[in-house]
Amino acid sequence: MSDQEGFAHFAALPIDHNPDGFVVRVRDLPARTVAYIRVLDPYRKGIVYVAYKRLLGWASSRGIDDGQWLGYLWDEPEVVALEKCRYDVALVVDGIADAALAVALGG
């Protein structure tokens, strides 16, 4: 399905269409600093797990692996082609200045 076809499909759904009964809550959260690894095409088998294990290894070596873990799916797979979707595996690292840079550099 192309992006344009996906958008047309998504736009055509009735407003109250929710076959999975998924409940959405929108809430304000405080700003946080996170270390993260972005995964492109996250629907490939095992790819998110590989990113998680890499971030876990980095966090474990610094004794911060017991913090708050987050996952961000940035794209709606019914609108965006799966291979273009983005997912971030993240760990809150407030107060650790070099966290994001160290992960990005593989440190």
N, C-alpha and C. Protein backbone atom coordinates (compact mmCIF):
# COMPACT_ATOMS: atom_id res chain seq x y z
N MET A 1 0.85 -1.18 0.00
CA MET A 1 0.00 0.00 0.00
C MET A 1 0.89 1.23 0.00
N SER A 2 0.68 2.12 -0.90
CA SER A 2 1.46 3.36 -0.96
C SER A 2 1.01 4.30 0.16
N ASP A 3 1.83 5.32 0.42
CA ASP A 3 1.47 6.32 1.43
C ASP A 3 0.13 6.97 1.10
N GLN A 4 -0.06 7.30 -0.17
CA GLN A 4 -1.29 7.97 -0.59
C GLN A 4 -2.50 7.05 -0.40
N GLU A 5 -2.36 5.77 -0.76
CA GLU A 5 -3.45 4.82 -0.57
C GLU A 5 -3.74 4.63 0.92
N GLY A 6 -2.68 4.57 1.74
CA GLY A 6 -2.85 4.42 3.18
C GLY A 6 -3.59 5.59 3.78
N PHE A 7 -3.22 6.78 3.37
CA PHE A 7 -3.91 7.97 3.87
C PHE A 7 -5.38 7.95 3.48
N ALA A 8 -5.67 7.58 2.24
CA ALA A 8 -7.06 7.53 1.78
C ALA A 8 -7.85 6.51 2.60
N HIS A 9 -7.23 5.36 2.90
CA HIS A 9 -7.89 4.33 3.72
C HIS A 9 -8.17 4.87 5.11
N PHE A 10 -7.15 5.50 5.72
CA PHE A 10 -7.28 6.02 7.07
C PHE A 10 -8.34 7.11 7.13
N ALA A 11 -8.35 8.01 6.17
CA ALA A 11 -9.31 9.11 6.14
C ALA A 11 -10.73 8.62 5.94
N ALA A 12 -10.90 7.43 5.32
CA ALA A 12 -12.23 6.91 5.01
C ALA A 12 -12.87 6.17 6.19
N LEU A 13 -12.08 5.88 7.23
CA LEU A 13 -12.64 5.15 8.37
C LEU A 13 -13.63 6.03 9.14
N PRO A 14 -14.73 5.45 9.58
CA PRO A 14 -15.66 6.23 10.41
C PRO A 14 -14.97 6.69 11.69
N ILE A 15 -15.37 7.82 12.20
CA ILE A 15 -14.75 8.39 13.38
C ILE A 15 -14.77 7.43 14.56
N ASP A 16 -15.83 6.67 14.74
CA ASP A 16 -15.94 5.78 15.88
C ASP A 16 -15.46 4.36 15.57
N HIS A 17 -14.76 4.15 14.46
CA HIS A 17 -14.27 2.83 14.07
C HIS A 17 -13.07 2.46 14.94
N ASN A 18 -13.21 1.46 15.79
CA ASN A 18 -12.13 1.03 16.69
C ASN A 18 -12.30 -0.47 16.95
N PRO A 19 -12.00 -1.31 15.95
CA PRO A 19 -12.27 -2.74 16.08
C PRO A 19 -11.48 -3.42 17.20
N ASP A 20 -10.35 -2.86 17.61
CA ASP A 20 -9.55 -3.48 18.67
C ASP A 20 -9.91 -2.97 20.06
N GLY A 21 -10.79 -1.97 20.14
CA GLY A 21 -11.16 -1.40 21.43
C GLY A 21 -10.01 -0.65 22.09
N PHE A 22 -9.06 -0.16 21.29
CA PHE A 22 -7.89 0.54 21.80
C PHE A 22 -8.32 1.86 22.45
N VAL A 23 -7.84 2.11 23.64
CA VAL A 23 -8.17 3.33 24.37
C VAL A 23 -6.98 4.27 24.30
N VAL A 24 -7.22 5.50 23.90
CA VAL A 24 -6.18 6.51 23.80
C VAL A 24 -6.38 7.54 24.90
N ARG A 25 -5.30 7.86 25.57
CA ARG A 25 -5.32 8.93 26.56
C ARG A 25 -4.26 9.94 26.17
N VAL A 26 -4.63 11.19 26.08
CA VAL A 26 -3.68 12.25 25.82
C VAL A 26 -3.43 12.95 27.14
N ARG A 27 -2.16 13.07 27.50
CA ARG A 27 -1.85 13.71 28.77
C ARG A 27 -0.55 14.48 28.64
N ASP A 28 -0.42 15.50 29.44
CA ASP A 28 0.80 16.30 29.48
C ASP A 28 1.81 15.61 30.38
N LEU A 29 3.03 15.49 29.89
CA LEU A 29 4.11 14.89 30.67
C LEU A 29 5.25 15.90 30.78
N PRO A 30 6.02 15.80 31.84
CA PRO A 30 7.16 16.72 31.96
C PRO A 30 8.21 16.38 30.90
N ALA A 31 9.01 17.38 30.57
CA ALA A 31 10.11 17.16 29.62
C ALA A 31 11.08 16.15 30.23
N ARG A 32 11.62 15.29 29.37
CA ARG A 32 12.58 14.28 29.82
C ARG A 32 13.72 14.21 28.81
N THR A 33 14.87 13.84 29.30
CA THR A 33 16.00 13.55 28.41
C THR A 33 16.05 12.04 28.25
N VAL A 34 16.18 11.60 27.00
CA VAL A 34 16.23 10.16 26.75
C VAL A 34 17.42 9.82 25.88
N ALA A 35 17.93 8.61 26.09
CA ALA A 35 18.86 8.00 25.15
C ALA A 35 17.99 7.08 24.30
N TYR A 36 18.20 7.10 22.99
CA TYR A 36 17.34 6.29 22.15
C TYR A 36 18.07 5.76 20.93
N ILE A 37 17.51 4.71 20.38
CA ILE A 37 17.98 4.18 19.11
C ILE A 37 16.77 4.14 18.19
N ARG A 38 16.92 4.78 17.02
CA ARG A 38 15.83 4.81 16.04
C ARG A 38 15.92 3.56 15.17
N VAL A 39 14.77 2.92 14.99
CA VAL A 39 14.67 1.73 14.15
C VAL A 39 13.82 2.09 12.93
N LEU A 40 14.38 1.91 11.76
CA LEU A 40 13.64 2.13 10.52
C LEU A 40 13.05 0.80 10.08
N ASP A 41 11.84 0.83 9.54
CA ASP A 41 11.14 -0.40 9.14
C ASP A 41 11.02 -1.35 10.33
N PRO A 42 10.41 -0.89 11.43
CA PRO A 42 10.39 -1.67 12.68
C PRO A 42 9.57 -2.95 12.63
N TYR A 43 8.85 -3.19 11.55
CA TYR A 43 8.04 -4.41 11.47
C TYR A 43 8.85 -5.60 10.97
N ARG A 44 10.13 -5.38 10.64
CA ARG A 44 10.99 -6.51 10.27
C ARG A 44 11.21 -7.37 11.51
N LYS A 45 11.21 -8.66 11.35
CA LYS A 45 11.33 -9.59 12.46
C LYS A 45 12.61 -9.36 13.26
N GLY A 46 12.46 -9.11 14.55
CA GLY A 46 13.58 -9.02 15.47
C GLY A 46 14.35 -7.72 15.50
N ILE A 47 14.06 -6.79 14.61
CA ILE A 47 14.88 -5.59 14.50
C ILE A 47 14.73 -4.67 15.73
N VAL A 48 13.55 -4.56 16.29
CA VAL A 48 13.37 -3.73 17.49
C VAL A 48 14.08 -4.38 18.67
N TYR A 49 14.04 -5.69 18.75
CA TYR A 49 14.72 -6.40 19.84
C TYR A 49 16.23 -6.16 19.78
N VAL A 50 16.79 -6.16 18.59
CA VAL A 50 18.22 -5.91 18.43
C VAL A 50 18.56 -4.51 18.96
N ALA A 51 17.76 -3.52 18.62
CA ALA A 51 17.99 -2.16 19.10
C ALA A 51 17.85 -2.09 20.62
N TYR A 52 16.83 -2.75 21.14
CA TYR A 52 16.63 -2.77 22.60
C TYR A 52 17.84 -3.39 23.30
N LYS A 53 18.33 -4.52 22.78
CA LYS A 53 19.47 -5.19 23.41
C LYS A 53 20.72 -4.30 23.37
N ARG A 54 20.89 -3.56 22.28
CA ARG A 54 22.04 -2.65 22.18
C ARG A 54 21.94 -1.53 23.23
N LEU A 55 20.75 -0.94 23.34
CA LEU A 55 20.56 0.12 24.34
C LEU A 55 20.65 -0.44 25.75
N LEU A 56 20.13 -1.62 25.96
CA LEU A 56 20.22 -2.27 27.28
C LEU A 56 21.67 -2.50 27.66
N GLY A 57 22.48 -2.97 26.71
CA GLY A 57 23.90 -3.19 27.00
C GLY A 57 24.59 -1.90 27.39
N TRP A 58 24.29 -0.83 26.64
CA TRP A 58 24.87 0.47 26.95
C TRP A 58 24.44 0.92 28.35
N ALA A 59 23.14 0.80 28.64
CA ALA A 59 22.61 1.26 29.93
C ALA A 59 23.14 0.40 31.08
N SER A 60 23.23 -0.90 30.88
CA SER A 60 23.72 -1.80 31.93
C SER A 60 25.16 -1.46 32.30
N SER A 61 25.97 -1.13 31.31
CA SER A 61 27.38 -0.81 31.58
C SER A 61 27.53 0.46 32.41
N ARG A 62 26.46 1.26 32.47
CA ARG A 62 26.48 2.49 33.26
C ARG A 62 25.60 2.40 34.51
N GLY A 63 25.00 1.24 34.72
CA GLY A 63 24.17 1.04 35.91
C GLY A 63 22.85 1.80 35.89
N ILE A 64 22.34 2.08 34.69
CA ILE A 64 21.09 2.84 34.59
C ILE A 64 19.99 2.06 33.86
N ASP A 65 20.13 0.77 33.76
CA ASP A 65 19.17 -0.03 33.00
C ASP A 65 17.85 -0.26 33.71
N ASP A 66 17.74 0.18 34.97
CA ASP A 66 16.48 -0.01 35.70
C ASP A 66 15.58 1.22 35.64
N GLY A 67 15.88 2.15 34.74
CA GLY A 67 15.08 3.36 34.60
C GLY A 67 13.81 3.13 33.80
N GLN A 68 13.16 4.20 33.42
CA GLN A 68 11.92 4.13 32.66
C GLN A 68 12.22 3.94 31.18
N TRP A 69 11.72 2.84 30.62
CA TRP A 69 11.89 2.52 29.20
C TRP A 69 10.67 2.99 28.42
N LEU A 70 10.91 3.49 27.21
CA LEU A 70 9.84 4.02 26.39
C LEU A 70 9.96 3.48 24.97
N GLY A 71 8.85 3.45 24.28
CA GLY A 71 8.86 3.12 22.86
C GLY A 71 7.98 4.13 22.14
N TYR A 72 8.50 4.68 21.07
CA TYR A 72 7.76 5.68 20.30
C TYR A 72 7.58 5.17 18.88
N LEU A 73 6.36 5.01 18.46
CA LEU A 73 6.07 4.71 17.07
C LEU A 73 5.63 6.01 16.44
N TRP A 74 6.43 6.54 15.52
CA TRP A 74 6.20 7.87 14.97
C TRP A 74 5.22 7.90 13.82
N ASP A 75 5.00 6.77 13.19
CA ASP A 75 4.20 6.77 11.97
C ASP A 75 3.04 5.79 12.07
N GLU A 76 1.93 6.13 11.47
CA GLU A 76 0.73 5.28 11.44
C GLU A 76 0.90 4.28 10.29
N PRO A 77 1.04 2.99 10.62
CA PRO A 77 1.29 2.01 9.56
C PRO A 77 0.15 1.83 8.57
N GLU A 78 -1.01 2.33 8.87
CA GLU A 78 -2.09 2.29 7.89
C GLU A 78 -2.02 3.47 6.93
N VAL A 79 -1.12 4.42 7.23
CA VAL A 79 -0.97 5.60 6.39
C VAL A 79 0.40 5.60 5.71
N VAL A 80 1.42 5.21 6.44
CA VAL A 80 2.79 5.23 5.94
C VAL A 80 3.22 3.80 5.59
N ALA A 81 3.90 3.64 4.47
CA ALA A 81 4.40 2.32 4.08
C ALA A 81 5.26 1.75 5.21
N LEU A 82 5.13 0.46 5.50
CA LEU A 82 5.82 -0.16 6.63
C LEU A 82 7.32 0.10 6.61
N GLU A 83 7.94 0.03 5.43
CA GLU A 83 9.39 0.22 5.35
C GLU A 83 9.81 1.65 5.63
N LYS A 84 8.86 2.58 5.68
CA LYS A 84 9.17 3.98 5.99
C LYS A 84 8.82 4.34 7.44
N CYS A 85 8.22 3.42 8.17
CA CYS A 85 7.86 3.70 9.56
C CYS A 85 9.11 3.82 10.43
N ARG A 86 8.98 4.57 11.52
CA ARG A 86 10.08 4.80 12.46
C ARG A 86 9.61 4.45 13.86
N TYR A 87 10.50 3.82 14.62
CA TYR A 87 10.23 3.45 16.01
C TYR A 87 11.48 3.76 16.81
N ASP A 88 11.32 4.41 17.96
CA ASP A 88 12.45 4.68 18.84
C ASP A 88 12.34 3.84 20.10
N VAL A 89 13.40 3.13 20.42
CA VAL A 89 13.55 2.45 21.71
C VAL A 89 14.29 3.45 22.58
N ALA A 90 13.75 3.77 23.75
CA ALA A 90 14.33 4.85 24.54
C ALA A 90 14.37 4.53 26.03
N LEU A 91 15.29 5.18 26.71
CA LEU A 91 15.45 5.07 28.15
C LEU A 91 15.60 6.48 28.71
N VAL A 92 14.82 6.82 29.73
CA VAL A 92 14.94 8.14 30.36
C VAL A 92 16.29 8.20 31.07
N VAL A 93 17.04 9.27 30.77
CA VAL A 93 18.39 9.43 31.33
C VAL A 93 18.58 10.84 31.89
N ASP A 94 17.57 11.39 32.50
CA ASP A 94 17.69 12.73 33.07
C ASP A 94 18.94 12.82 33.95
N GLY A 95 19.71 13.88 33.76
CA GLY A 95 20.88 14.11 34.59
C GLY A 95 22.15 13.42 34.10
N ILE A 96 22.08 12.71 33.01
CA ILE A 96 23.27 12.05 32.46
C ILE A 96 23.60 12.76 31.15
N ALA A 97 24.54 13.69 31.21
CA ALA A 97 24.77 14.63 30.11
C ALA A 97 25.20 13.98 28.80
N ASP A 98 26.02 12.94 28.83
CA ASP A 98 26.57 12.38 27.61
C ASP A 98 25.76 11.19 27.07
N ALA A 99 24.59 10.94 27.62
CA ALA A 99 23.84 9.73 27.31
C ALA A 99 23.53 9.56 25.84
N ALA A 100 22.85 10.50 25.24
CA ALA A 100 22.43 10.34 23.85
C ALA A 100 23.63 10.28 22.91
N LEU A 101 24.62 11.10 23.14
CA LEU A 101 25.80 11.09 22.29
C LEU A 101 26.54 9.75 22.39
N ALA A 102 26.64 9.22 23.59
CA ALA A 102 27.36 7.96 23.78
C ALA A 102 26.68 6.82 23.05
N VAL A 103 25.36 6.77 23.07
CA VAL A 103 24.64 5.71 22.35
C VAL A 103 24.83 5.90 20.85
N ALA A 104 24.69 7.14 20.39
CA ALA A 104 24.82 7.41 18.96
C ALA A 104 26.20 7.00 18.45
N LEU A 105 27.22 7.14 19.26
CA LEU A 105 28.58 6.80 18.84
C LEU A 105 28.94 5.36 19.17
N GLY A 106 28.00 4.63 19.79
CA GLY A 106 28.27 3.25 20.14
C GLY A 106 29.14 3.11 21.37
N GLY A 107 29.19 4.18 22.20
CA GLY A 107 30.08 4.17 23.35
C GLY A 107 29.55 3.53 24.57
